[in-house]
Amino acid sequence: GGRVPAMAAAPRWRERLFALYFLSHIPITALIDLQPLLPAGIPPRALTDLLQQYATAFRDPMMLQPPEWFKAFIYCEAFLQLPFFPIAAYAFLKGGCRWIRTPAIIYSTHVATTLFAILAHILFHDFSKSEHVGPQTLRERLVLLSIYLPYLLIPLLILFTMLCNPHYKHVEKRKRK
């Protein structure tokens, strides 16, 4: 194969997309996603109402009464992902930061793995015994799936970019003095 040029360009449109993804993830995680971990009465009423409206509209009982495995993923989101979001947002906004490669690979692999479990649960779980209304029809399952799907597709695009884009694959050779 041909040699990678020393100045392979970073994929700017993708970096902007990734920056937007991580920036938007900060308030969503802090205000909505972490609510199931908090004792009742801690989150402001407006936020609990927002979560309730979301869960009802999209038939997502997991956010109102998360199974233990789902709660474990929320803990990962709180303690592993949330601290990473501003770092990743900075790196992708700045652009061309090769140092983000390994953390981004770890992040995207972790998130894609959790999303496969969540999506399988949405598609195949029998929600008829749930305390909160879950998706019953295929259409309802696909609507709920579409809410979670970007959180699989964008991390997969991040992973693909980190593994395959010459800018991120190319390792700078340190010059000896």
N, C-alpha and C. Protein backbone atom coordinates (compact mmCIF):
# COMPACT_ATOMS: atom_id res chain seq x y z
N GLY A 1 0.81 -1.21 0.00
CA GLY A 1 0.00 0.00 0.00
C GLY A 1 0.84 1.25 0.00
N GLY A 2 0.22 2.38 -0.36
CA GLY A 2 0.93 3.66 -0.39
C GLY A 2 1.17 4.18 1.01
N ARG A 3 2.20 5.01 1.12
CA ARG A 3 2.52 5.60 2.42
C ARG A 3 1.51 6.70 2.74
N VAL A 4 1.12 6.81 4.02
CA VAL A 4 0.18 7.85 4.45
C VAL A 4 0.94 9.18 4.47
N PRO A 5 0.40 10.21 3.82
CA PRO A 5 1.08 11.51 3.89
C PRO A 5 1.17 11.99 5.34
N ALA A 6 2.25 12.65 5.69
CA ALA A 6 2.48 13.09 7.07
C ALA A 6 1.36 14.00 7.56
N MET A 7 0.73 14.74 6.67
CA MET A 7 -0.31 15.67 7.09
C MET A 7 -1.71 15.23 6.61
N ALA A 8 -2.05 13.99 6.85
CA ALA A 8 -3.39 13.52 6.48
C ALA A 8 -4.42 14.38 7.22
N ALA A 9 -5.39 14.87 6.50
CA ALA A 9 -6.36 15.80 7.09
C ALA A 9 -7.34 15.07 8.00
N ALA A 10 -7.69 15.74 9.09
CA ALA A 10 -8.74 15.22 9.97
C ALA A 10 -10.08 15.44 9.26
N PRO A 11 -11.02 14.50 9.46
CA PRO A 11 -12.33 14.63 8.79
C PRO A 11 -13.19 15.69 9.48
N ARG A 12 -13.15 16.94 9.01
CA ARG A 12 -13.77 18.06 9.73
C ARG A 12 -15.28 17.91 9.95
N TRP A 13 -16.04 17.50 8.93
CA TRP A 13 -17.49 17.42 9.14
C TRP A 13 -17.83 16.39 10.23
N ARG A 14 -17.05 15.30 10.26
CA ARG A 14 -17.30 14.28 11.29
C ARG A 14 -16.88 14.80 12.66
N GLU A 15 -15.76 15.51 12.73
CA GLU A 15 -15.34 16.06 14.01
C GLU A 15 -16.38 17.04 14.55
N ARG A 16 -16.97 17.83 13.67
CA ARG A 16 -18.03 18.77 14.10
C ARG A 16 -19.25 18.00 14.60
N LEU A 17 -19.63 16.95 13.88
CA LEU A 17 -20.74 16.10 14.32
C LEU A 17 -20.44 15.49 15.69
N PHE A 18 -19.22 14.96 15.88
CA PHE A 18 -18.85 14.34 17.15
C PHE A 18 -18.87 15.38 18.28
N ALA A 19 -18.37 16.58 18.00
CA ALA A 19 -18.37 17.65 19.01
C ALA A 19 -19.81 17.97 19.43
N LEU A 20 -20.70 18.10 18.45
CA LEU A 20 -22.12 18.39 18.73
C LEU A 20 -22.74 17.25 19.54
N TYR A 21 -22.43 16.02 19.17
CA TYR A 21 -22.93 14.84 19.89
C TYR A 21 -22.51 14.90 21.36
N PHE A 22 -21.21 15.15 21.61
CA PHE A 22 -20.72 15.16 23.00
C PHE A 22 -21.26 16.37 23.77
N LEU A 23 -21.32 17.54 23.13
CA LEU A 23 -21.86 18.73 23.80
C LEU A 23 -23.33 18.54 24.17
N SER A 24 -24.13 17.99 23.25
CA SER A 24 -25.56 17.79 23.51
C SER A 24 -25.78 16.71 24.57
N HIS A 25 -24.83 15.79 24.67
CA HIS A 25 -24.95 14.68 25.61
C HIS A 25 -24.81 15.15 27.06
N ILE A 26 -24.09 16.24 27.30
CA ILE A 26 -23.85 16.72 28.67
C ILE A 26 -25.17 17.08 29.38
N PRO A 27 -26.00 17.99 28.82
CA PRO A 27 -27.25 18.30 29.53
C PRO A 27 -28.24 17.13 29.55
N ILE A 28 -28.29 16.35 28.47
CA ILE A 28 -29.20 15.20 28.42
C ILE A 28 -28.87 14.22 29.54
N THR A 29 -27.58 13.91 29.68
CA THR A 29 -27.14 12.98 30.73
C THR A 29 -27.39 13.56 32.11
N ALA A 30 -26.92 14.79 32.33
CA ALA A 30 -27.01 15.41 33.66
C ALA A 30 -28.45 15.63 34.11
N LEU A 31 -29.32 16.05 33.19
CA LEU A 31 -30.68 16.44 33.58
C LEU A 31 -31.70 15.32 33.46
N ILE A 32 -31.51 14.40 32.51
CA ILE A 32 -32.52 13.36 32.25
C ILE A 32 -32.02 11.95 32.61
N ASP A 33 -30.95 11.54 31.95
CA ASP A 33 -30.50 10.14 32.07
C ASP A 33 -30.15 9.71 33.49
N LEU A 34 -29.60 10.61 34.30
CA LEU A 34 -29.17 10.22 35.64
C LEU A 34 -30.30 10.20 36.68
N GLN A 35 -31.48 10.69 36.31
CA GLN A 35 -32.61 10.74 37.26
C GLN A 35 -32.92 9.41 37.94
N PRO A 36 -32.90 8.28 37.20
CA PRO A 36 -33.24 7.01 37.88
C PRO A 36 -32.28 6.64 39.02
N LEU A 37 -31.09 7.26 39.07
CA LEU A 37 -30.13 6.94 40.13
C LEU A 37 -30.35 7.79 41.38
N LEU A 38 -31.11 8.87 41.23
CA LEU A 38 -31.28 9.82 42.34
C LEU A 38 -32.50 9.49 43.19
N PRO A 39 -32.41 9.76 44.51
CA PRO A 39 -33.59 9.55 45.37
C PRO A 39 -34.71 10.50 44.95
N ALA A 40 -35.95 10.06 45.14
CA ALA A 40 -37.11 10.90 44.80
C ALA A 40 -37.01 12.22 45.55
N GLY A 41 -37.41 13.30 44.88
CA GLY A 41 -37.38 14.61 45.52
C GLY A 41 -36.10 15.40 45.25
N ILE A 42 -35.06 14.73 44.78
CA ILE A 42 -33.80 15.43 44.47
C ILE A 42 -33.91 16.20 43.14
N PRO A 43 -34.29 15.50 42.04
CA PRO A 43 -34.41 16.28 40.79
C PRO A 43 -35.59 17.26 40.87
N PRO A 44 -35.43 18.47 40.31
CA PRO A 44 -36.55 19.42 40.30
C PRO A 44 -37.77 18.84 39.58
N ARG A 45 -38.95 19.27 40.02
CA ARG A 45 -40.22 18.76 39.49
C ARG A 45 -40.29 18.88 37.97
N ALA A 46 -39.82 20.00 37.42
CA ALA A 46 -39.87 20.21 35.96
C ALA A 46 -39.11 19.10 35.23
N LEU A 47 -37.99 18.67 35.80
CA LEU A 47 -37.20 17.61 35.15
C LEU A 47 -37.85 16.24 35.29
N THR A 48 -38.43 15.96 36.45
CA THR A 48 -39.11 14.66 36.61
C THR A 48 -40.34 14.61 35.71
N ASP A 49 -41.03 15.75 35.56
CA ASP A 49 -42.18 15.82 34.65
C ASP A 49 -41.74 15.58 33.20
N LEU A 50 -40.61 16.17 32.83
CA LEU A 50 -40.07 16.00 31.47
C LEU A 50 -39.75 14.53 31.20
N LEU A 51 -39.12 13.88 32.16
CA LEU A 51 -38.80 12.45 32.03
C LEU A 51 -40.08 11.62 31.93
N GLN A 52 -41.06 11.96 32.75
CA GLN A 52 -42.35 11.24 32.74
C GLN A 52 -43.04 11.40 31.38
N GLN A 53 -43.05 12.63 30.86
CA GLN A 53 -43.66 12.88 29.54
C GLN A 53 -42.94 12.09 28.44
N TYR A 54 -41.60 12.11 28.48
CA TYR A 54 -40.83 11.35 27.50
C TYR A 54 -41.19 9.87 27.59
N ALA A 55 -41.12 9.31 28.81
CA ALA A 55 -41.35 7.86 29.01
C ALA A 55 -42.75 7.45 28.57
N THR A 56 -43.73 8.32 28.78
CA THR A 56 -45.10 8.03 28.37
C THR A 56 -45.25 8.14 26.85
N ALA A 57 -44.73 9.22 26.28
CA ALA A 57 -44.87 9.45 24.83
C ALA A 57 -44.18 8.36 24.02
N PHE A 58 -42.99 7.94 24.47
CA PHE A 58 -42.21 6.97 23.69
C PHE A 58 -42.26 5.56 24.27
N ARG A 59 -43.09 5.38 25.30
CA ARG A 59 -43.27 4.06 25.93
C ARG A 59 -41.92 3.45 26.34
N ASP A 60 -41.20 4.21 27.18
CA ASP A 60 -39.89 3.77 27.65
C ASP A 60 -39.91 3.54 29.16
N PRO A 61 -40.38 2.36 29.59
CA PRO A 61 -40.45 2.08 31.03
C PRO A 61 -39.07 1.95 31.68
N MET A 62 -38.04 1.69 30.87
CA MET A 62 -36.69 1.51 31.41
C MET A 62 -36.21 2.77 32.13
N MET A 63 -36.65 3.95 31.66
CA MET A 63 -36.21 5.20 32.29
C MET A 63 -36.96 5.50 33.58
N LEU A 64 -38.15 4.92 33.74
CA LEU A 64 -38.93 5.15 34.97
C LEU A 64 -38.66 4.08 36.01
N GLN A 65 -38.45 2.86 35.56
CA GLN A 65 -38.17 1.75 36.46
C GLN A 65 -37.10 0.87 35.81
N PRO A 66 -35.85 1.33 35.88
CA PRO A 66 -34.80 0.60 35.15
C PRO A 66 -34.50 -0.77 35.75
N PRO A 67 -34.40 -1.79 34.88
CA PRO A 67 -33.90 -3.08 35.36
C PRO A 67 -32.47 -2.88 35.90
N GLU A 68 -32.01 -3.77 36.75
CA GLU A 68 -30.68 -3.61 37.36
C GLU A 68 -29.56 -3.46 36.33
N TRP A 69 -29.61 -4.26 35.25
CA TRP A 69 -28.57 -4.18 34.22
C TRP A 69 -28.57 -2.80 33.55
N PHE A 70 -29.75 -2.21 33.37
CA PHE A 70 -29.88 -0.89 32.76
C PHE A 70 -29.35 0.17 33.71
N LYS A 71 -29.64 -0.01 35.01
CA LYS A 71 -29.13 0.90 36.03
C LYS A 71 -27.59 0.88 36.04
N ALA A 72 -27.03 -0.29 35.86
CA ALA A 72 -25.56 -0.41 35.79
C ALA A 72 -25.01 0.44 34.63
N PHE A 73 -25.71 0.42 33.50
CA PHE A 73 -25.29 1.25 32.35
C PHE A 73 -25.40 2.74 32.68
N ILE A 74 -26.43 3.12 33.47
CA ILE A 74 -26.58 4.53 33.86
C ILE A 74 -25.42 4.94 34.78
N TYR A 75 -25.00 4.04 35.67
CA TYR A 75 -23.82 4.33 36.51
C TYR A 75 -22.58 4.53 35.64
N CYS A 76 -22.43 3.70 34.62
CA CYS A 76 -21.31 3.88 33.67
C CYS A 76 -21.40 5.24 32.98
N GLU A 77 -22.62 5.62 32.62
CA GLU A 77 -22.83 6.91 31.97
C GLU A 77 -22.43 8.05 32.91
N ALA A 78 -22.80 7.91 34.19
CA ALA A 78 -22.51 8.96 35.18
C ALA A 78 -21.01 9.08 35.46
N PHE A 79 -20.34 7.96 35.68
CA PHE A 79 -18.97 8.00 36.20
C PHE A 79 -17.88 7.80 35.16
N LEU A 80 -18.20 7.21 34.01
CA LEU A 80 -17.20 7.02 32.96
C LEU A 80 -17.45 7.98 31.79
N GLN A 81 -18.69 8.03 31.32
CA GLN A 81 -18.99 8.80 30.11
C GLN A 81 -19.08 10.30 30.36
N LEU A 82 -19.86 10.70 31.37
CA LEU A 82 -20.08 12.13 31.61
C LEU A 82 -18.77 12.91 31.78
N PRO A 83 -17.80 12.41 32.56
CA PRO A 83 -16.53 13.16 32.65
C PRO A 83 -15.79 13.24 31.30
N PHE A 84 -16.02 12.27 30.43
CA PHE A 84 -15.37 12.23 29.11
C PHE A 84 -16.00 13.20 28.12
N PHE A 85 -17.30 13.49 28.26
CA PHE A 85 -18.01 14.32 27.27
C PHE A 85 -17.33 15.67 27.01
N PRO A 86 -17.00 16.48 28.05
CA PRO A 86 -16.37 17.77 27.75
C PRO A 86 -14.98 17.63 27.13
N ILE A 87 -14.25 16.59 27.53
CA ILE A 87 -12.91 16.34 26.97
C ILE A 87 -13.03 16.02 25.48
N ALA A 88 -13.95 15.12 25.15
CA ALA A 88 -14.17 14.73 23.75
C ALA A 88 -14.70 15.92 22.94
N ALA A 89 -15.64 16.66 23.53
CA ALA A 89 -16.18 17.84 22.83
C ALA A 89 -15.06 18.82 22.50
N TYR A 90 -14.17 19.07 23.46
CA TYR A 90 -13.02 19.96 23.25
C TYR A 90 -12.14 19.44 22.11
N ALA A 91 -11.77 18.17 22.18
CA ALA A 91 -10.86 17.59 21.18
C ALA A 91 -11.45 17.69 19.77
N PHE A 92 -12.74 17.38 19.63
CA PHE A 92 -13.34 17.40 18.30
C PHE A 92 -13.68 18.81 17.82
N LEU A 93 -13.96 19.73 18.75
CA LEU A 93 -14.15 21.13 18.36
C LEU A 93 -12.83 21.72 17.88
N LYS A 94 -11.77 21.46 18.62
CA LYS A 94 -10.45 21.95 18.26
C LYS A 94 -10.03 21.33 16.92
N GLY A 95 -10.29 20.04 16.79
CA GLY A 95 -9.98 19.33 15.54
C GLY A 95 -8.55 18.86 15.47
N GLY A 96 -8.37 17.72 14.82
CA GLY A 96 -7.04 17.19 14.56
C GLY A 96 -6.29 16.67 15.77
N CYS A 97 -6.97 16.49 16.91
CA CYS A 97 -6.31 16.02 18.13
C CYS A 97 -6.13 14.50 18.09
N ARG A 98 -4.93 14.06 17.77
CA ARG A 98 -4.70 12.61 17.68
C ARG A 98 -4.79 11.90 19.03
N TRP A 99 -4.54 12.64 20.11
CA TRP A 99 -4.56 12.04 21.45
C TRP A 99 -5.94 11.52 21.86
N ILE A 100 -6.99 11.96 21.16
CA ILE A 100 -8.35 11.52 21.50
C ILE A 100 -8.62 10.11 20.96
N ARG A 101 -7.76 9.61 20.08
CA ARG A 101 -8.00 8.32 19.41
C ARG A 101 -8.29 7.18 20.39
N THR A 102 -7.37 6.89 21.31
CA THR A 102 -7.55 5.76 22.22
C THR A 102 -8.75 5.96 23.15
N PRO A 103 -8.89 7.13 23.82
CA PRO A 103 -10.10 7.32 24.64
C PRO A 103 -11.39 7.20 23.82
N ALA A 104 -11.39 7.69 22.59
CA ALA A 104 -12.59 7.61 21.75
C ALA A 104 -12.90 6.17 21.35
N ILE A 105 -11.87 5.37 21.12
CA ILE A 105 -12.07 3.95 20.80
C ILE A 105 -12.68 3.24 22.01
N ILE A 106 -12.14 3.52 23.20
CA ILE A 106 -12.67 2.90 24.43
C ILE A 106 -14.12 3.33 24.64
N TYR A 107 -14.39 4.63 24.54
CA TYR A 107 -15.74 5.16 24.72
C TYR A 107 -16.72 4.51 23.73
N SER A 108 -16.39 4.56 22.45
CA SER A 108 -17.34 4.10 21.43
C SER A 108 -17.59 2.59 21.52
N THR A 109 -16.56 1.84 21.85
CA THR A 109 -16.72 0.38 22.00
C THR A 109 -17.62 0.08 23.20
N HIS A 110 -17.37 0.76 24.31
CA HIS A 110 -18.18 0.58 25.52
C HIS A 110 -19.65 0.92 25.24
N VAL A 111 -19.90 2.09 24.63
CA VAL A 111 -21.27 2.54 24.40
C VAL A 111 -21.99 1.64 23.39
N ALA A 112 -21.30 1.26 22.33
CA ALA A 112 -21.93 0.36 21.34
C ALA A 112 -22.34 -0.95 22.01
N THR A 113 -21.50 -1.47 22.89
CA THR A 113 -21.82 -2.71 23.60
C THR A 113 -23.07 -2.55 24.46
N THR A 114 -23.16 -1.44 25.20
CA THR A 114 -24.35 -1.22 26.04
C THR A 114 -25.59 -1.06 25.17
N LEU A 115 -25.44 -0.38 24.02
CA LEU A 115 -26.60 -0.14 23.15
C LEU A 115 -27.13 -1.42 22.52
N PHE A 116 -26.25 -2.37 22.21
CA PHE A 116 -26.73 -3.65 21.66
C PHE A 116 -27.67 -4.32 22.67
N ALA A 117 -27.31 -4.29 23.95
CA ALA A 117 -28.17 -4.88 24.98
C ALA A 117 -29.50 -4.12 25.09
N ILE A 118 -29.42 -2.80 25.09
CA ILE A 118 -30.64 -1.97 25.21
C ILE A 118 -31.56 -2.19 24.01
N LEU A 119 -31.00 -2.18 22.81
CA LEU A 119 -31.81 -2.34 21.59
C LEU A 119 -32.45 -3.73 21.53
N ALA A 120 -31.71 -4.74 21.95
CA ALA A 120 -32.27 -6.10 21.99
C ALA A 120 -33.42 -6.17 22.98
N HIS A 121 -33.27 -5.50 24.12
CA HIS A 121 -34.33 -5.45 25.13
C HIS A 121 -35.58 -4.78 24.56
N ILE A 122 -35.38 -3.65 23.86
CA ILE A 122 -36.51 -2.93 23.26
C ILE A 122 -37.21 -3.82 22.23
N LEU A 123 -36.45 -4.52 21.43
CA LEU A 123 -37.04 -5.34 20.36
C LEU A 123 -37.71 -6.61 20.87
N PHE A 124 -37.14 -7.24 21.89
CA PHE A 124 -37.57 -8.60 22.22
C PHE A 124 -38.20 -8.80 23.60
N HIS A 125 -38.08 -7.83 24.50
CA HIS A 125 -38.61 -8.01 25.85
C HIS A 125 -40.14 -7.98 25.86
N ASP A 126 -40.73 -8.79 26.73
CA ASP A 126 -42.18 -8.77 26.93
C ASP A 126 -42.49 -7.71 27.99
N PHE A 127 -42.97 -6.55 27.53
CA PHE A 127 -43.25 -5.43 28.44
C PHE A 127 -44.64 -5.49 29.05
N SER A 128 -45.41 -6.55 28.77
CA SER A 128 -46.80 -6.61 29.23
C SER A 128 -46.92 -6.62 30.75
N LYS A 129 -45.88 -7.08 31.45
CA LYS A 129 -45.94 -7.13 32.91
C LYS A 129 -45.27 -5.91 33.57
N SER A 130 -44.81 -4.95 32.74
CA SER A 130 -44.16 -3.75 33.29
C SER A 130 -45.16 -2.89 34.03
N GLU A 131 -44.70 -2.29 35.13
CA GLU A 131 -45.54 -1.37 35.90
C GLU A 131 -45.86 -0.14 35.05
N HIS A 132 -44.86 0.33 34.28
CA HIS A 132 -45.05 1.47 33.38
C HIS A 132 -45.22 0.95 31.96
N VAL A 133 -46.01 1.67 31.16
CA VAL A 133 -46.35 1.21 29.82
C VAL A 133 -45.11 1.14 28.93
N GLY A 134 -44.90 -0.04 28.35
CA GLY A 134 -43.80 -0.25 27.42
C GLY A 134 -44.34 -0.41 26.02
N PRO A 135 -43.44 -0.52 25.05
CA PRO A 135 -43.90 -0.70 23.67
C PRO A 135 -44.58 -2.06 23.50
N GLN A 136 -45.73 -2.06 22.83
CA GLN A 136 -46.46 -3.31 22.61
C GLN A 136 -46.38 -3.76 21.15
N THR A 137 -46.60 -2.81 20.24
CA THR A 137 -46.60 -3.15 18.81
C THR A 137 -45.20 -2.99 18.24
N LEU A 138 -44.98 -3.57 17.07
CA LEU A 138 -43.69 -3.43 16.40
C LEU A 138 -43.41 -1.96 16.13
N ARG A 139 -44.44 -1.21 15.72
CA ARG A 139 -44.26 0.22 15.45
C ARG A 139 -43.77 0.96 16.70
N GLU A 140 -44.39 0.68 17.85
CA GLU A 140 -43.98 1.32 19.11
C GLU A 140 -42.54 0.93 19.48
N ARG A 141 -42.19 -0.33 19.22
CA ARG A 141 -40.81 -0.77 19.49
C ARG A 141 -39.82 -0.03 18.59
N LEU A 142 -40.19 0.14 17.31
CA LEU A 142 -39.31 0.82 16.35
C LEU A 142 -39.18 2.32 16.67
N VAL A 143 -40.26 2.93 17.13
CA VAL A 143 -40.21 4.35 17.54
C VAL A 143 -39.24 4.51 18.71
N LEU A 144 -39.36 3.65 19.73
CA LEU A 144 -38.46 3.72 20.87
C LEU A 144 -37.01 3.41 20.44
N LEU A 145 -36.88 2.43 19.56
CA LEU A 145 -35.56 2.08 19.02
C LEU A 145 -34.91 3.30 18.35
N SER A 146 -35.72 4.08 17.64
CA SER A 146 -35.19 5.24 16.91
C SER A 146 -34.66 6.32 17.85
N ILE A 147 -35.16 6.35 19.09
CA ILE A 147 -34.65 7.30 20.11
C ILE A 147 -33.24 6.90 20.53
N TYR A 148 -33.03 5.60 20.71
CA TYR A 148 -31.74 5.08 21.18
C TYR A 148 -30.72 4.90 20.06
N LEU A 149 -31.19 4.70 18.83
CA LEU A 149 -30.31 4.36 17.71
C LEU A 149 -29.16 5.34 17.46
N PRO A 150 -29.37 6.67 17.52
CA PRO A 150 -28.23 7.58 17.31
C PRO A 150 -27.08 7.34 18.29
N TYR A 151 -27.41 6.84 19.50
CA TYR A 151 -26.39 6.57 20.52
C TYR A 151 -25.64 5.27 20.25
N LEU A 152 -26.06 4.55 19.21
CA LEU A 152 -25.28 3.43 18.69
C LEU A 152 -24.54 3.88 17.42
N LEU A 153 -25.27 4.53 16.51
CA LEU A 153 -24.70 4.87 15.19
C LEU A 153 -23.55 5.88 15.28
N ILE A 154 -23.69 6.92 16.09
CA ILE A 154 -22.62 7.91 16.18
C ILE A 154 -21.37 7.30 16.83
N PRO A 155 -21.49 6.57 17.96
CA PRO A 155 -20.28 5.90 18.47
C PRO A 155 -19.65 4.93 17.46
N LEU A 156 -20.46 4.23 16.66
CA LEU A 156 -19.87 3.36 15.63
C LEU A 156 -19.13 4.18 14.57
N LEU A 157 -19.67 5.35 14.22
CA LEU A 157 -18.98 6.24 13.28
C LEU A 157 -17.68 6.78 13.89
N ILE A 158 -17.71 7.09 15.19
CA ILE A 158 -16.49 7.52 15.89
C ILE A 158 -15.46 6.40 15.84
N LEU A 159 -15.89 5.18 16.17
CA LEU A 159 -14.99 4.03 16.16
C LEU A 159 -14.39 3.82 14.77
N PHE A 160 -15.25 3.83 13.75
CA PHE A 160 -14.79 3.66 12.36
C PHE A 160 -13.78 4.75 12.00
N THR A 161 -14.07 5.99 12.38
CA THR A 161 -13.17 7.12 12.07
C THR A 161 -11.82 6.95 12.77
N MET A 162 -11.84 6.59 14.04
CA MET A 162 -10.60 6.43 14.80
C MET A 162 -9.75 5.27 14.27
N LEU A 163 -10.42 4.22 13.80
CA LEU A 163 -9.69 3.04 13.32
C LEU A 163 -9.25 3.16 11.87
N CYS A 164 -10.03 3.85 11.04
CA CYS A 164 -9.79 3.81 9.59
C CYS A 164 -9.31 5.10 8.97
N ASN A 165 -9.57 6.25 9.60
CA ASN A 165 -9.14 7.50 8.98
C ASN A 165 -7.63 7.65 9.12
N PRO A 166 -6.93 7.93 8.00
CA PRO A 166 -5.46 8.03 8.05
C PRO A 166 -4.96 9.07 9.07
N HIS A 167 -5.71 10.14 9.28
CA HIS A 167 -5.27 11.16 10.24
C HIS A 167 -5.12 10.56 11.63
N TYR A 168 -6.08 9.71 12.02
CA TYR A 168 -6.03 9.13 13.36
C TYR A 168 -5.20 7.85 13.41
N LYS A 169 -5.09 7.15 12.28
CA LYS A 169 -4.28 5.93 12.25
C LYS A 169 -2.79 6.26 12.27
N HIS A 170 -2.43 7.35 11.60
CA HIS A 170 -1.03 7.72 11.46
C HIS A 170 -0.44 8.11 12.80
N VAL A 171 0.65 7.47 13.19
CA VAL A 171 1.31 7.81 14.45
C VAL A 171 2.55 8.62 14.12
N GLU A 172 2.65 9.78 14.75
CA GLU A 172 3.81 10.64 14.52
C GLU A 172 5.08 9.94 15.01
N LYS A 173 6.09 9.95 14.20
CA LYS A 173 7.40 9.42 14.61
C LYS A 173 8.11 10.54 15.35
N ARG A 174 8.60 10.26 16.55
CA ARG A 174 9.34 11.27 17.31
C ARG A 174 10.73 11.41 16.73
N LYS A 175 11.14 12.64 16.49
CA LYS A 175 12.47 12.90 15.95
C LYS A 175 13.51 12.77 17.09
N ARG A 176 14.59 12.07 16.80
CA ARG A 176 15.68 11.96 17.79
C ARG A 176 16.58 13.16 17.64
N LYS A 177 17.02 13.67 18.79
CA LYS A 177 17.88 14.86 18.75
C LYS A 177 19.33 14.45 18.83
